Amino acid sequence: MEPRSGCPVNAAVEVLGDRWSLLVLRDIMFGDRRYFRGLLTGSAEGIASNILADRLVRLVEAGILTRGTAVRGQRARYSLTEAGIRTLPVIHALGDWGLDWRPGSDELRARQQFLRDQGPAFLEELMDELRVRHLGAPAKPHDGPGPFERLEAACAAAAGREEAGGG
């Protein structure tokens, strides 16, 4: 997959700049959706199956994801590569822009606000945990809950506030 020019921004946009690729990566990272069906049915944005299939092929070809071999009766599982894990700061930056400049529900914005509040060290923790989940890296010890558990707790708390009308 050769980019049209030697510009690093162009090279990144050619892989990640369509409407769906970053959302697929978001769902793999934060929703731990690793199978086609989970990605298809779990997308809040309602991705079509043919678009999802195309994006998964493109992300695998670009070295962002790997596709596990599907054996008879089982589904293929997608995993992030190191390049895929390193898209987390890009997704975070886009989310910060969206948090500042676009409307949305408190519940759906809670994850991004928590990521922002925790800072860059937390993103590194998340990437380390993604390496454990997707690359089989050894787990790093945590004092208390891991980064994804803390993130899920913050999102659950925001959902509870929204249901209670506390916004």
C-alpha atoms as a PDB file:
ATOM      1  CA  MET A   1       0.000   0.000   0.000  1.00  0.00           C
ATOM      2  CA  GLU A   2       2.084   2.878  -1.305  1.00  0.00           C
ATOM      3  CA  PRO A   3       0.873   6.414  -0.493  1.00  0.00           C
ATOM      4  CA  ARG A   4       0.276   8.893  -3.304  1.00  0.00           C
ATOM      5  CA  SER A   5       2.994  11.167  -1.960  1.00  0.00           C
ATOM      6  CA  GLY A   6       5.792  11.121   0.571  1.00  0.00           C
ATOM      7  CA  CYS A   7       3.896  13.444   2.919  1.00  0.00           C
ATOM      8  CA  PRO A   8       3.377  11.752   6.322  1.00  0.00           C
ATOM      9  CA  VAL A   9      -0.034  13.417   6.768  1.00  0.00           C
ATOM     10  CA  ASN A  10      -1.167  12.100   3.383  1.00  0.00           C
ATOM     11  CA  ALA A  11       0.166   8.619   4.161  1.00  0.00           C
ATOM     12  CA  ALA A  12      -1.784   8.531   7.437  1.00  0.00           C
ATOM     13  CA  VAL A  13      -4.959   9.945   5.906  1.00  0.00           C
ATOM     14  CA  GLU A  14      -4.893   7.350   3.123  1.00  0.00           C
ATOM     15  CA  VAL A  15      -5.101   4.595   5.754  1.00  0.00           C
ATOM     16  CA  LEU A  16      -7.139   6.247   8.510  1.00  0.00           C
ATOM     17  CA  GLY A  17      -8.950   9.175   6.920  1.00  0.00           C
ATOM     18  CA  ASP A  18     -12.163   7.605   5.685  1.00  0.00           C
ATOM     19  CA  ARG A  19     -15.452   7.845   7.541  1.00  0.00           C
ATOM     20  CA  TRP A  20     -15.248   4.410   9.218  1.00  0.00           C
ATOM     21  CA  SER A  21     -11.683   3.214   9.872  1.00  0.00           C
ATOM     22  CA  LEU A  22     -11.099   5.154  13.088  1.00  0.00           C
ATOM     23  CA  LEU A  23     -14.541   4.154  14.379  1.00  0.00           C
ATOM     24  CA  VAL A  24     -13.735   0.490  13.753  1.00  0.00           C
ATOM     25  CA  LEU A  25     -10.458   0.946  15.643  1.00  0.00           C
ATOM     26  CA  ARG A  26     -12.303   2.777  18.443  1.00  0.00           C
ATOM     27  CA  ASP A  27     -14.709  -0.141  18.818  1.00  0.00           C
ATOM     28  CA  ILE A  28     -11.873  -2.670  18.846  1.00  0.00           C
ATOM     29  CA  MET A  29      -9.957  -0.657  21.447  1.00  0.00           C
ATOM     30  CA  PHE A  30     -12.681   0.533  23.776  1.00  0.00           C
ATOM     31  CA  GLY A  31     -15.435  -2.004  23.130  1.00  0.00           C
ATOM     32  CA  ASP A  32     -13.084  -4.982  22.865  1.00  0.00           C
ATOM     33  CA  ARG A  33     -15.063  -6.031  19.802  1.00  0.00           C
ATOM     34  CA  ARG A  34     -12.700  -8.385  17.995  1.00  0.00           C
ATOM     35  CA  TYR A  35     -15.097 -10.277  15.722  1.00  0.00           C
ATOM     36  CA  PHE A  36     -16.982  -9.141  12.636  1.00  0.00           C
ATOM     37  CA  ARG A  37     -20.446  -9.666  14.172  1.00  0.00           C
ATOM     38  CA  GLY A  38     -19.564  -7.709  17.317  1.00  0.00           C
ATOM     39  CA  LEU A  39     -18.200  -4.830  15.265  1.00  0.00           C
ATOM     40  CA  LEU A  40     -21.255  -4.849  13.020  1.00  0.00           C
ATOM     41  CA  THR A  41     -23.904  -4.968  15.735  1.00  0.00           C
ATOM     42  CA  GLY A  42     -22.009  -2.903  18.317  1.00  0.00           C
ATOM     43  CA  SER A  43     -21.465   0.176  16.183  1.00  0.00           C
ATOM     44  CA  ALA A  44     -23.584   3.060  17.456  1.00  0.00           C
ATOM     45  CA  GLU A  45     -23.159   4.644  14.027  1.00  0.00           C
ATOM     46  CA  GLY A  46     -24.687   1.683  12.170  1.00  0.00           C
ATOM     47  CA  ILE A  47     -21.936   0.584   9.798  1.00  0.00           C
ATOM     48  CA  ALA A  48     -23.095  -1.540   6.842  1.00  0.00           C
ATOM     49  CA  SER A  49     -21.668  -5.058   6.599  1.00  0.00           C
ATOM     50  CA  ASN A  50     -20.028  -4.473   3.205  1.00  0.00           C
ATOM     51  CA  ILE A  51     -18.342  -1.291   4.460  1.00  0.00           C
ATOM     52  CA  LEU A  52     -17.126  -3.039   7.610  1.00  0.00           C
ATOM     53  CA  ALA A  53     -15.733  -5.953   5.587  1.00  0.00           C
ATOM     54  CA  ASP A  54     -13.909  -3.512   3.296  1.00  0.00           C
ATOM     55  CA  ARG A  55     -12.452  -1.502   6.185  1.00  0.00           C
ATOM     56  CA  LEU A  56     -11.240  -4.609   7.982  1.00  0.00           C
ATOM     57  CA  VAL A  57      -9.460  -5.809   4.833  1.00  0.00           C
ATOM     58  CA  ARG A  58      -7.897  -2.371   4.334  1.00  0.00           C
ATOM     59  CA  LEU A  59      -6.759  -2.115   7.961  1.00  0.00           C
ATOM     60  CA  VAL A  60      -5.203  -5.585   7.761  1.00  0.00           C
ATOM     61  CA  GLU A  61      -3.468  -4.727   4.479  1.00  0.00           C
ATOM     62  CA  ALA A  62      -2.138  -1.510   6.025  1.00  0.00           C
ATOM     63  CA  GLY A  63      -0.670  -3.403   8.995  1.00  0.00           C
ATOM     64  CA  ILE A  64      -3.012  -1.798  11.539  1.00  0.00           C
ATOM     65  CA  LEU A  65      -4.841  -5.060  12.340  1.00  0.00           C
ATOM     66  CA  THR A  66      -4.134  -8.742  12.022  1.00  0.00           C
ATOM     67  CA  ARG A  67      -6.811 -11.270  11.193  1.00  0.00           C
ATOM     68  CA  GLY A  68      -6.630 -14.560  13.008  1.00  0.00           C
ATOM     69  CA  THR A  69      -7.183 -17.710  11.006  1.00  0.00           C
ATOM     70  CA  ALA A  70     -10.769 -18.875  11.218  1.00  0.00           C
ATOM     71  CA  VAL A  71     -10.941 -22.619  11.700  1.00  0.00           C
ATOM     72  CA  ARG A  72     -14.034 -24.604  10.840  1.00  0.00           C
ATOM     73  CA  GLY A  73     -16.964 -23.448  12.946  1.00  0.00           C
ATOM     74  CA  GLN A  74     -15.111 -20.500  14.444  1.00  0.00           C
ATOM     75  CA  ARG A  75     -14.915 -16.859  13.517  1.00  0.00           C
ATOM     76  CA  ALA A  76     -11.797 -14.904  12.668  1.00  0.00           C
ATOM     77  CA  ARG A  77     -10.609 -12.630  15.470  1.00  0.00           C
ATOM     78  CA  TYR A  78      -9.029  -9.258  14.725  1.00  0.00           C
ATOM     79  CA  SER A  79      -6.152  -7.927  16.787  1.00  0.00           C
ATOM     80  CA  LEU A  80      -4.386  -4.601  16.839  1.00  0.00           C
ATOM     81  CA  THR A  81      -0.771  -4.475  15.745  1.00  0.00           C
ATOM     82  CA  GLU A  82       1.663  -2.063  17.379  1.00  0.00           C
ATOM     83  CA  ALA A  83       0.824   0.395  14.585  1.00  0.00           C
ATOM     84  CA  GLY A  84      -2.855  -0.029  15.441  1.00  0.00           C
ATOM     85  CA  ILE A  85      -2.229   0.507  19.146  1.00  0.00           C
ATOM     86  CA  ARG A  86      -0.319   3.691  18.300  1.00  0.00           C
ATOM     87  CA  THR A  87      -3.500   5.124  16.723  1.00  0.00           C
ATOM     88  CA  LEU A  88      -4.894   5.600  20.252  1.00  0.00           C
ATOM     89  CA  PRO A  89      -3.338   9.092  20.615  1.00  0.00           C
ATOM     90  CA  VAL A  90      -4.794  10.028  17.197  1.00  0.00           C
ATOM     91  CA  ILE A  91      -8.255   8.828  18.230  1.00  0.00           C
ATOM     92  CA  HIS A  92      -7.823  10.672  21.537  1.00  0.00           C
ATOM     93  CA  ALA A  93      -6.877  13.915  19.763  1.00  0.00           C
ATOM     94  CA  LEU A  94      -9.914  13.668  17.471  1.00  0.00           C
ATOM     95  CA  GLY A  95     -12.114  12.960  20.479  1.00  0.00           C
ATOM     96  CA  ASP A  96     -10.761  16.012  22.280  1.00  0.00           C
ATOM     97  CA  TRP A  97     -11.587  18.162  19.274  1.00  0.00           C
ATOM     98  CA  GLY A  98     -15.096  16.657  19.182  1.00  0.00           C
ATOM     99  CA  LEU A  99     -15.506  17.251  22.915  1.00  0.00           C
ATOM    100  CA  ASP A 100     -14.664  20.930  22.442  1.00  0.00           C
ATOM    101  CA  TRP A 101     -16.459  21.638  19.186  1.00  0.00           C
ATOM    102  CA  ARG A 102     -19.315  19.168  18.653  1.00  0.00           C
ATOM    103  CA  PRO A 103     -22.464  18.410  20.664  1.00  0.00           C
ATOM    104  CA  GLY A 104     -23.282  15.019  22.158  1.00  0.00           C
ATOM    105  CA  SER A 105     -24.811  13.224  25.098  1.00  0.00           C
ATOM    106  CA  ASP A 106     -23.088  13.319  28.461  1.00  0.00           C
ATOM    107  CA  GLU A 107     -22.946   9.516  28.536  1.00  0.00           C
ATOM    108  CA  LEU A 108     -21.177   9.243  25.189  1.00  0.00           C
ATOM    109  CA  ARG A 109     -18.843  12.134  25.984  1.00  0.00           C
ATOM    110  CA  ALA A 110     -17.879  10.708  29.394  1.00  0.00           C
ATOM    111  CA  ARG A 111     -15.154   8.405  28.063  1.00  0.00           C
ATOM    112  CA  GLN A 112     -13.428  11.236  26.236  1.00  0.00           C
ATOM    113  CA  GLN A 113     -13.699  13.564  29.219  1.00  0.00           C
ATOM    114  CA  PHE A 114     -12.214  10.893  31.484  1.00  0.00           C
ATOM    115  CA  LEU A 115      -9.347  10.314  29.026  1.00  0.00           C
ATOM    116  CA  ARG A 116      -8.688  14.054  28.924  1.00  0.00           C
ATOM    117  CA  ASP A 117      -8.810  14.391  32.687  1.00  0.00           C
ATOM    118  CA  GLN A 118      -6.390  11.478  33.228  1.00  0.00           C
ATOM    119  CA  GLY A 119      -3.765  12.873  30.856  1.00  0.00           C
ATOM    120  CA  PRO A 120      -1.021  11.375  28.669  1.00  0.00           C
ATOM    121  CA  ALA A 121       0.242   8.886  31.264  1.00  0.00           C
ATOM    122  CA  PHE A 122      -3.181   7.215  31.231  1.00  0.00           C
ATOM    123  CA  LEU A 123      -3.042   6.846  27.431  1.00  0.00           C
ATOM    124  CA  GLU A 124       0.272   5.055  27.880  1.00  0.00           C
ATOM    125  CA  GLU A 125      -1.351   2.732  30.426  1.00  0.00           C
ATOM    126  CA  LEU A 126      -4.156   1.991  27.982  1.00  0.00           C
ATOM    127  CA  MET A 127      -1.666   1.258  25.206  1.00  0.00           C
ATOM    128  CA  ASP A 128       0.252  -1.071  27.525  1.00  0.00           C
ATOM    129  CA  GLU A 129      -2.995  -2.908  28.302  1.00  0.00           C
ATOM    130  CA  LEU A 130      -3.848  -3.113  24.593  1.00  0.00           C
ATOM    131  CA  ARG A 131      -0.425  -4.706  24.037  1.00  0.00           C
ATOM    132  CA  VAL A 132      -1.340  -7.336  26.629  1.00  0.00           C
ATOM    133  CA  ARG A 133      -4.743  -8.009  25.046  1.00  0.00           C
ATOM    134  CA  HIS A 134      -3.702  -7.920  21.395  1.00  0.00           C
ATOM    135  CA  LEU A 135      -0.001  -8.730  21.235  1.00  0.00           C
ATOM    136  CA  GLY A 136       0.367 -11.065  24.206  1.00  0.00           C
ATOM    137  CA  ALA A 137       2.764  -8.734  26.035  1.00  0.00           C
ATOM    138  CA  PRO A 138       3.297  -9.396  29.746  1.00  0.00           C
ATOM    139  CA  ALA A 139       0.895  -7.513  31.981  1.00  0.00           C
ATOM    140  CA  LYS A 140       2.252  -4.642  34.038  1.00  0.00           C
ATOM    141  CA  PRO A 141       1.243  -4.610  37.700  1.00  0.00           C
ATOM    142  CA  HIS A 142      -1.420  -2.113  38.794  1.00  0.00           C
ATOM    143  CA  ASP A 143      -2.148  -0.687  42.191  1.00  0.00           C
ATOM    144  CA  GLY A 144      -5.886  -1.314  42.107  1.00  0.00           C
ATOM    145  CA  PRO A 145      -8.039  -1.580  38.999  1.00  0.00           C
ATOM    146  CA  GLY A 146      -6.416  -1.522  35.563  1.00  0.00           C
ATOM    147  CA  PRO A 147      -6.888   1.339  33.105  1.00  0.00           C
ATOM    148  CA  PHE A 148      -9.826  -0.191  31.239  1.00  0.00           C
ATOM    149  CA  GLU A 149     -11.611  -0.987  34.495  1.00  0.00           C
ATOM    150  CA  ARG A 150     -11.183   2.618  35.645  1.00  0.00           C
ATOM    151  CA  LEU A 151     -12.427   3.887  32.291  1.00  0.00           C
ATOM    152  CA  GLU A 152     -15.468   1.569  32.361  1.00  0.00           C
ATOM    153  CA  ALA A 153     -16.276   2.675  35.922  1.00  0.00           C
ATOM    154  CA  ALA A 154     -16.163   6.341  34.892  1.00  0.00           C
ATOM    155  CA  CYS A 155     -18.453   5.669  31.919  1.00  0.00           C
ATOM    156  CA  ALA A 156     -20.880   3.672  34.089  1.00  0.00           C
ATOM    157  CA  ALA A 157     -20.953   6.482  36.622  1.00  0.00           C
ATOM    158  CA  ALA A 158     -21.731   9.009  33.865  1.00  0.00           C
ATOM    159  CA  ALA A 159     -24.503   6.759  32.542  1.00  0.00           C
ATOM    160  CA  GLY A 160     -25.983   6.565  36.026  1.00  0.00           C
ATOM    161  CA  ARG A 161     -25.906  10.337  36.396  1.00  0.00           C
ATOM    162  CA  GLU A 162     -27.616  10.793  33.030  1.00  0.00           C
ATOM    163  CA  GLU A 163     -30.339   8.251  33.907  1.00  0.00           C
ATOM    164  CA  ALA A 164     -30.912  10.020  37.216  1.00  0.00           C
ATOM    165  CA  GLY A 165     -31.256  13.308  35.367  1.00  0.00           C
ATOM    166  CA  GLY A 166     -28.137  14.759  36.903  1.00  0.00           C
ATOM    167  CA  GLY A 167     -26.447  15.269  33.477  1.00  0.00           C
END
